[in-house]
N, C-alpha and C. Protein backbone atom coordinates (compact mmCIF):
# COMPACT_ATOMS: atom_id res chain seq x y z
N MET A 1 51.96 102.94 66.81
CA MET A 1 52.83 102.89 65.33
C MET A 1 53.92 102.99 65.02
N ALA A 2 55.11 102.51 65.55
CA ALA A 2 56.21 103.18 65.58
C ALA A 2 56.41 103.88 64.00
N ARG A 3 56.87 105.14 63.94
CA ARG A 3 57.45 106.09 63.31
C ARG A 3 58.07 105.35 61.69
N ALA A 4 58.75 106.40 61.20
CA ALA A 4 59.44 105.28 60.29
C ALA A 4 61.04 106.41 60.83
N ALA A 5 62.26 105.80 60.41
CA ALA A 5 63.06 106.21 61.16
C ALA A 5 63.86 107.44 59.86
N SER A 6 64.24 108.11 61.03
CA SER A 6 65.14 109.37 60.04
C SER A 6 66.04 109.36 60.28
N GLU A 7 66.80 110.50 59.16
CA GLU A 7 67.85 110.22 59.42
C GLU A 7 68.38 110.33 61.16
N ASN A 8 68.42 110.81 61.26
CA ASN A 8 68.24 111.50 62.78
C ASN A 8 68.21 110.08 64.02
N SER A 9 67.04 109.06 63.55
CA SER A 9 66.96 108.55 64.89
C SER A 9 67.72 107.16 64.31
N PRO A 10 67.30 106.99 65.43
CA PRO A 10 67.69 104.63 64.69
C PRO A 10 66.57 103.93 64.27
N SER A 11 66.89 102.33 63.42
CA SER A 11 65.92 101.90 63.23
C SER A 11 65.32 101.51 63.97
N ASP A 12 64.46 100.85 63.82
CA ASP A 12 63.57 99.63 64.85
C ASP A 12 64.64 98.55 64.85
N GLY A 13 64.95 98.37 64.22
CA GLY A 13 66.03 96.96 64.03
C GLY A 13 66.92 97.12 64.92
N HIS A 14 67.51 98.46 64.83
CA HIS A 14 68.81 98.62 65.44
C HIS A 14 68.90 98.75 66.60
N VAL A 15 67.89 99.35 67.45
CA VAL A 15 67.28 99.24 68.96
C VAL A 15 66.97 98.29 69.15
N LYS A 16 66.76 97.07 68.33
CA LYS A 16 66.40 96.02 69.05
C LYS A 16 67.36 94.91 69.00
N GLU A 17 68.45 95.36 67.72
CA GLU A 17 69.22 94.14 67.79
C GLU A 17 70.49 94.57 69.16
N ALA A 18 70.45 96.14 69.33
CA ALA A 18 71.40 97.04 70.24
C ALA A 18 70.84 96.25 71.78
N VAL A 19 69.85 96.10 72.32
CA VAL A 19 68.73 95.58 73.61
C VAL A 19 69.27 94.17 73.15
N ALA A 20 68.84 93.81 72.16
CA ALA A 20 69.41 91.78 72.48
C ALA A 20 71.01 91.64 73.01
N ASN A 21 71.76 92.31 72.41
CA ASN A 21 73.47 92.73 72.32
C ASN A 21 73.61 92.91 73.72
N ILE A 22 72.96 93.55 74.28
CA ILE A 22 73.26 93.99 75.72
C ILE A 22 72.99 92.99 76.81
N GLU A 23 71.44 93.24 76.02
CA GLU A 23 71.26 91.42 77.52
C GLU A 23 71.44 90.65 77.44
N GLU A 24 72.14 89.88 76.48
CA GLU A 24 72.81 88.86 76.15
C GLU A 24 74.15 88.95 76.68
N THR A 25 74.80 90.19 76.51
CA THR A 25 76.05 90.44 77.49
C THR A 25 75.90 90.17 78.65
N TYR A 26 74.73 91.41 79.49
CA TYR A 26 74.26 90.65 80.86
C TYR A 26 74.09 88.93 81.16
N ARG A 27 73.53 88.26 80.46
CA ARG A 27 73.22 87.05 81.14
C ARG A 27 74.89 85.85 80.95
N LYS A 28 75.80 86.67 80.01
CA LYS A 28 77.04 86.33 80.38
C LYS A 28 77.64 86.76 82.06
N LEU A 29 77.65 87.89 81.81
CA LEU A 29 78.30 88.28 83.15
C LEU A 29 77.94 87.67 84.25
N GLU A 30 76.48 86.81 84.06
CA GLU A 30 75.35 86.61 85.13
C GLU A 30 75.97 85.25 85.67
N THR A 31 76.00 84.15 84.55
CA THR A 31 77.01 83.19 84.53
C THR A 31 78.23 83.24 85.26
N GLU A 32 79.25 84.06 84.49
CA GLU A 32 80.29 84.06 85.12
C GLU A 32 79.90 84.77 87.04
N ARG A 33 79.40 85.40 87.02
CA ARG A 33 79.07 85.71 88.05
C ARG A 33 78.80 84.40 89.18
N GLY A 34 78.11 83.56 88.59
CA GLY A 34 77.79 81.90 89.42
C GLY A 34 78.61 81.52 89.12
N ILE A 35 79.86 81.57 88.30
CA ILE A 35 81.12 80.39 88.55
C ILE A 35 81.74 81.05 89.65
N TYR A 36 82.23 82.66 89.59
CA TYR A 36 82.98 82.82 90.87
C TYR A 36 82.64 83.01 92.29
N MET A 37 81.47 82.90 91.80
CA MET A 37 80.40 82.56 93.92
C MET A 37 80.95 82.08 94.13
N ASN A 38 80.75 80.87 93.05
CA ASN A 38 80.99 79.34 93.52
C ASN A 38 82.68 78.83 94.24
N LYS A 39 82.92 79.52 92.91
CA LYS A 39 84.65 79.77 93.40
C LYS A 39 84.58 79.78 94.64
N CYS A 40 84.21 81.67 95.03
CA CYS A 40 84.45 81.84 96.65
C CYS A 40 83.39 81.30 97.31
N LYS A 41 83.00 80.28 97.27
CA LYS A 41 81.91 79.30 98.48
C LYS A 41 83.43 78.57 98.98
N GLY A 42 83.68 78.19 97.86
CA GLY A 42 84.21 77.11 98.28
C GLY A 42 85.91 77.25 98.91
N ILE A 43 86.19 78.47 98.70
CA ILE A 43 87.10 79.02 99.34
C ILE A 43 86.58 79.59 100.88
N ARG A 44 85.74 80.25 101.06
CA ARG A 44 85.66 80.82 101.97
C ARG A 44 84.74 79.20 103.26
N SER A 45 84.59 77.94 102.55
CA SER A 45 84.18 76.71 102.81
C SER A 45 86.20 76.78 104.07
N GLU A 46 86.83 76.53 102.92
CA GLU A 46 88.16 76.08 103.19
C GLU A 46 88.83 77.30 104.28
N MET A 47 88.57 78.52 104.40
CA MET A 47 88.79 79.41 105.39
C MET A 47 88.33 78.98 106.66
N LYS A 48 87.49 79.03 106.57
CA LYS A 48 86.11 78.18 108.27
C LYS A 48 86.92 77.17 108.49
N ASP A 49 87.35 76.33 107.84
CA ASP A 49 88.12 74.70 108.05
C ASP A 49 89.24 75.25 108.64
N HIS A 50 89.74 76.08 108.41
CA HIS A 50 91.15 75.98 109.68
C HIS A 50 91.25 77.41 110.49
N TYR A 51 89.85 78.42 110.61
CA TYR A 51 89.73 78.57 111.74
C TYR A 51 89.47 77.67 112.83
N SER A 52 88.09 76.57 112.34
CA SER A 52 88.34 75.36 113.25
C SER A 52 88.97 74.77 113.50
N ASP A 53 90.07 74.84 112.90
CA ASP A 53 91.42 73.93 113.11
C ASP A 53 92.18 74.36 113.77
N ALA A 54 92.11 75.93 113.69
CA ALA A 54 93.45 76.95 114.83
C ALA A 54 92.44 76.33 116.44
N ALA A 55 90.59 76.97 115.79
CA ALA A 55 90.23 76.96 117.33
C ALA A 55 90.54 75.99 118.44
N ASN A 56 90.08 74.52 117.31
CA ASN A 56 90.60 73.45 118.02
C ASN A 56 91.95 73.19 118.95
N LEU A 57 92.94 74.27 118.27
CA LEU A 57 93.71 73.69 118.99
C LEU A 57 94.21 74.52 120.25
N GLY A 58 93.33 75.44 120.36
CA GLY A 58 93.29 76.16 121.43
C GLY A 58 93.41 78.04 121.20
N ILE A 59 93.23 78.23 120.20
CA ILE A 59 93.74 79.77 119.52
C ILE A 59 92.08 80.23 119.44
N ALA A 60 92.25 81.37 119.76
CA ALA A 60 90.55 82.23 119.86
C ALA A 60 90.16 82.26 118.56
N LYS A 61 89.75 82.08 117.46
CA LYS A 61 88.67 82.30 116.74
C LYS A 61 88.82 83.79 116.22
N LYS A 62 88.21 84.77 117.74
CA LYS A 62 88.07 86.11 117.44
C LYS A 62 89.95 86.47 116.84
N LEU A 63 90.50 86.29 118.33
CA LEU A 63 91.08 87.04 118.14
C LEU A 63 92.48 87.34 116.74
N LEU A 64 92.40 85.51 116.53
CA LEU A 64 93.01 84.76 115.10
C LEU A 64 92.83 85.53 114.18
N ALA A 65 91.01 86.81 114.01
CA ALA A 65 90.54 87.00 112.41
C ALA A 65 90.92 88.42 112.70
N LYS A 66 90.98 89.38 114.25
CA LYS A 66 91.68 90.23 114.67
C LYS A 66 93.04 90.13 113.51
N ILE A 67 94.10 89.17 113.55
CA ILE A 67 95.23 89.00 113.23
C ILE A 67 95.45 89.21 112.07
N ILE A 68 94.70 88.17 111.27
CA ILE A 68 94.51 88.10 109.65
C ILE A 68 94.17 89.35 109.39
N LYS A 69 92.87 90.20 109.68
CA LYS A 69 92.29 91.42 109.45
C LYS A 69 93.73 92.34 109.35
N GLU A 70 94.56 92.65 110.79
CA GLU A 70 95.75 93.94 110.51
C GLU A 70 96.81 93.55 109.62
N ARG A 71 96.94 92.21 109.33
CA ARG A 71 98.04 91.80 108.58
C ARG A 71 97.68 92.15 107.21
N GLU A 72 96.06 91.93 107.00
CA GLU A 72 95.64 92.49 105.82
C GLU A 72 96.17 93.43 105.16
N TYR A 73 95.43 94.72 106.43
CA TYR A 73 95.60 95.93 106.01
C TYR A 73 96.71 96.27 105.99
N GLU A 74 98.22 95.74 107.10
CA GLU A 74 99.36 96.33 106.64
C GLU A 74 100.22 95.77 105.33
N ARG A 75 99.61 95.12 104.85
CA ARG A 75 99.96 94.70 103.79
C ARG A 75 99.90 95.59 102.11
N LYS A 76 97.88 96.69 102.49
CA LYS A 76 97.39 97.42 101.66
C LYS A 76 98.31 98.57 102.04
N ILE A 77 98.63 98.87 103.13
CA ILE A 77 99.35 99.92 103.89
C ILE A 77 100.91 99.88 102.70
N ASP A 78 101.36 98.65 102.86
CA ASP A 78 103.16 98.64 102.25
C ASP A 78 102.96 99.02 100.88
N LYS A 79 101.50 98.36 99.96
CA LYS A 79 101.42 98.49 98.59
C LYS A 79 101.50 99.70 98.42
N LEU A 80 100.54 100.69 98.70
CA LEU A 80 100.50 101.65 99.11
C LEU A 80 101.47 102.52 99.12
N THR A 81 102.13 102.44 99.85
CA THR A 81 104.28 103.07 100.33
C THR A 81 105.15 102.62 99.19
N ALA A 82 104.84 101.50 98.94
CA ALA A 82 105.36 100.93 97.57
C ALA A 82 105.74 101.94 96.14
N ASP A 83 104.11 101.91 96.00
CA ASP A 83 103.83 102.72 94.82
C ASP A 83 104.35 103.81 94.31
N LEU A 84 104.72 104.37 95.55
CA LEU A 84 105.50 105.98 95.37
C LEU A 84 106.46 105.95 94.97
N GLU A 85 106.56 106.68 94.49
CA GLU A 85 108.44 107.56 94.09
C GLU A 85 109.30 108.02 94.45
N PRO A 86 110.30 108.03 94.69
CA PRO A 86 111.43 107.97 95.64
C PRO A 86 110.91 109.75 96.09
N ASP A 87 111.19 109.93 95.34
CA ASP A 87 110.34 111.99 96.35
C ASP A 87 109.13 111.78 97.42
N GLU A 88 107.83 111.53 96.99
CA GLU A 88 107.27 111.00 97.76
C GLU A 88 107.24 110.33 98.95
N ARG A 89 108.12 109.69 99.05
CA ARG A 89 108.35 108.23 99.88
C ARG A 89 109.62 109.57 100.89
N SER A 90 110.22 110.29 100.45
CA SER A 90 110.83 110.78 101.12
C SER A 90 109.87 111.58 101.80
N GLU A 91 108.90 112.87 101.33
CA GLU A 91 107.94 113.50 101.75
C GLU A 91 107.10 113.20 102.80
N LEU A 92 107.13 111.63 102.78
CA LEU A 92 105.92 110.26 103.22
C LEU A 92 106.64 110.42 105.17
N GLU A 93 107.73 110.09 104.68
CA GLU A 93 108.38 109.83 105.63
C GLU A 93 108.81 111.06 107.07
N MET A 94 109.03 112.39 106.08
CA MET A 94 108.97 113.86 106.73
C MET A 94 107.76 113.51 107.40
N LEU A 95 107.06 113.76 106.92
CA LEU A 95 105.26 113.86 107.34
C LEU A 95 105.02 112.92 108.41
N ILE A 96 105.87 112.33 108.44
CA ILE A 96 105.14 111.02 109.89
C ILE A 96 106.16 111.07 110.70
N GLU A 97 107.37 111.84 110.50
CA GLU A 97 108.46 112.03 111.45
C GLU A 97 108.24 113.30 112.01
N LYS A 98 107.33 114.10 111.50
CA LYS A 98 106.77 114.99 111.98
C LYS A 98 105.71 114.77 112.81
N LEU A 99 104.68 113.87 112.55
CA LEU A 99 103.62 113.71 113.14
C LEU A 99 103.99 112.93 115.15
N GLY A 100 105.60 112.53 114.61
CA GLY A 100 105.83 111.44 116.27
C GLY A 100 105.17 110.11 115.52
N GLU A 101 105.96 109.05 116.52
CA GLU A 101 105.92 107.77 116.97
C GLU A 101 104.31 107.89 116.61
N PHE A 102 103.40 108.13 117.20
CA PHE A 102 102.01 107.68 117.45
C PHE A 102 101.04 108.24 116.53
N GLY A 103 101.42 109.18 116.06
CA GLY A 103 101.20 110.23 115.53
C GLY A 103 99.79 109.65 114.10
N SER A 104 99.00 108.37 114.21
CA SER A 104 99.05 108.04 113.30
C SER A 104 97.99 107.12 114.35
N THR A 105 97.60 107.21 115.98
CA THR A 105 97.00 106.51 116.01
C THR A 105 95.98 107.43 117.12
N PRO A 106 94.46 106.82 117.46
CA PRO A 106 93.30 108.00 117.57
C PRO A 106 94.52 108.70 119.17
N LEU A 107 95.17 108.27 119.70
CA LEU A 107 95.47 108.69 121.16
C LEU A 107 96.96 109.40 120.39
N GLY A 108 97.42 109.32 119.58
CA GLY A 108 98.44 110.52 119.20
C GLY A 108 97.94 111.27 118.36
N GLN A 109 96.32 111.61 117.75
CA GLN A 109 96.08 112.88 117.17
C GLN A 109 95.53 113.36 118.07
N ALA A 110 94.54 112.65 119.31
CA ALA A 110 94.34 113.42 120.31
C ALA A 110 95.85 114.57 121.32
N ALA A 111 96.71 114.19 121.42
CA ALA A 111 98.10 114.66 122.06
C ALA A 111 98.47 115.57 120.86
N LEU A 112 98.37 115.50 119.82
CA LEU A 112 98.98 116.13 118.63
C LEU A 112 97.71 117.76 118.59
N ALA A 113 96.44 116.97 119.18
CA ALA A 113 95.92 118.12 118.98
C ALA A 113 95.45 119.42 120.30
N LYS A 114 95.69 118.57 121.11
CA LYS A 114 95.85 119.28 122.30
C LYS A 114 97.16 120.07 122.18
N ALA A 115 98.12 119.87 122.21
CA ALA A 115 99.25 119.98 121.74
C ALA A 115 99.30 121.41 120.55
N ASP A 116 98.74 121.46 119.86
CA ASP A 116 98.13 122.28 119.24
C ASP A 116 97.70 123.09 119.64
N GLY A 117 96.60 123.09 120.80
CA GLY A 117 95.78 123.89 121.01
C GLY A 117 96.13 124.70 122.36
N ALA A 118 97.35 124.39 123.30
CA ALA A 118 98.09 124.52 124.12
C ALA A 118 98.87 125.49 123.21
N ALA A 119 99.54 125.44 121.98
CA ALA A 119 100.40 126.20 121.66
C ALA A 119 99.79 127.27 120.99
N THR A 120 98.41 127.32 120.52
CA THR A 120 97.57 128.05 119.98
C THR A 120 97.13 129.24 121.11
N LEU A 121 96.73 128.71 122.25
CA LEU A 121 96.33 129.65 123.69
C LEU A 121 97.47 130.55 123.86
N ALA A 122 98.97 129.37 124.25
CA ALA A 122 100.67 130.32 124.21
C ALA A 122 100.48 131.60 123.17
N GLN A 123 99.72 131.45 121.71
CA GLN A 123 100.41 132.81 121.00
C GLN A 123 99.54 133.43 121.45
N VAL A 124 98.56 133.10 121.82
CA VAL A 124 97.27 134.48 122.27
C VAL A 124 97.37 135.16 123.45
N GLY A 125 98.11 134.66 124.29
CA GLY A 125 98.72 135.26 125.41
C GLY A 125 97.94 134.54 126.40
N ALA A 126 97.32 133.64 126.50
CA ALA A 126 96.44 133.30 127.65
C ALA A 126 96.83 131.81 128.22
């Protein structure tokens, strides 16, 4: 049997109302999610058609997808840079310059690490 509500605990009605309100909100969310997913499904189908059209023209789907993904990443990187304040942007440019032209690539990072290791060995006299 439920105990009577005290000053520090909610009434049974309040709890039931809160649960009902939250569950209704979840139902609305699921409805909106379904609408969104249907829209995305249509767009994905359109993208698939474009890839198929390109393949019919002799363009490799895998390579085209790679190019598209790279361009997407480049736009994201450009957006990150565009959001910087002018002083942050100049500091970023200075850091990139110190890394060198290929400092952001795996090969460039390996070369920098090797150069740093050689400099450390030279400092200790090895």
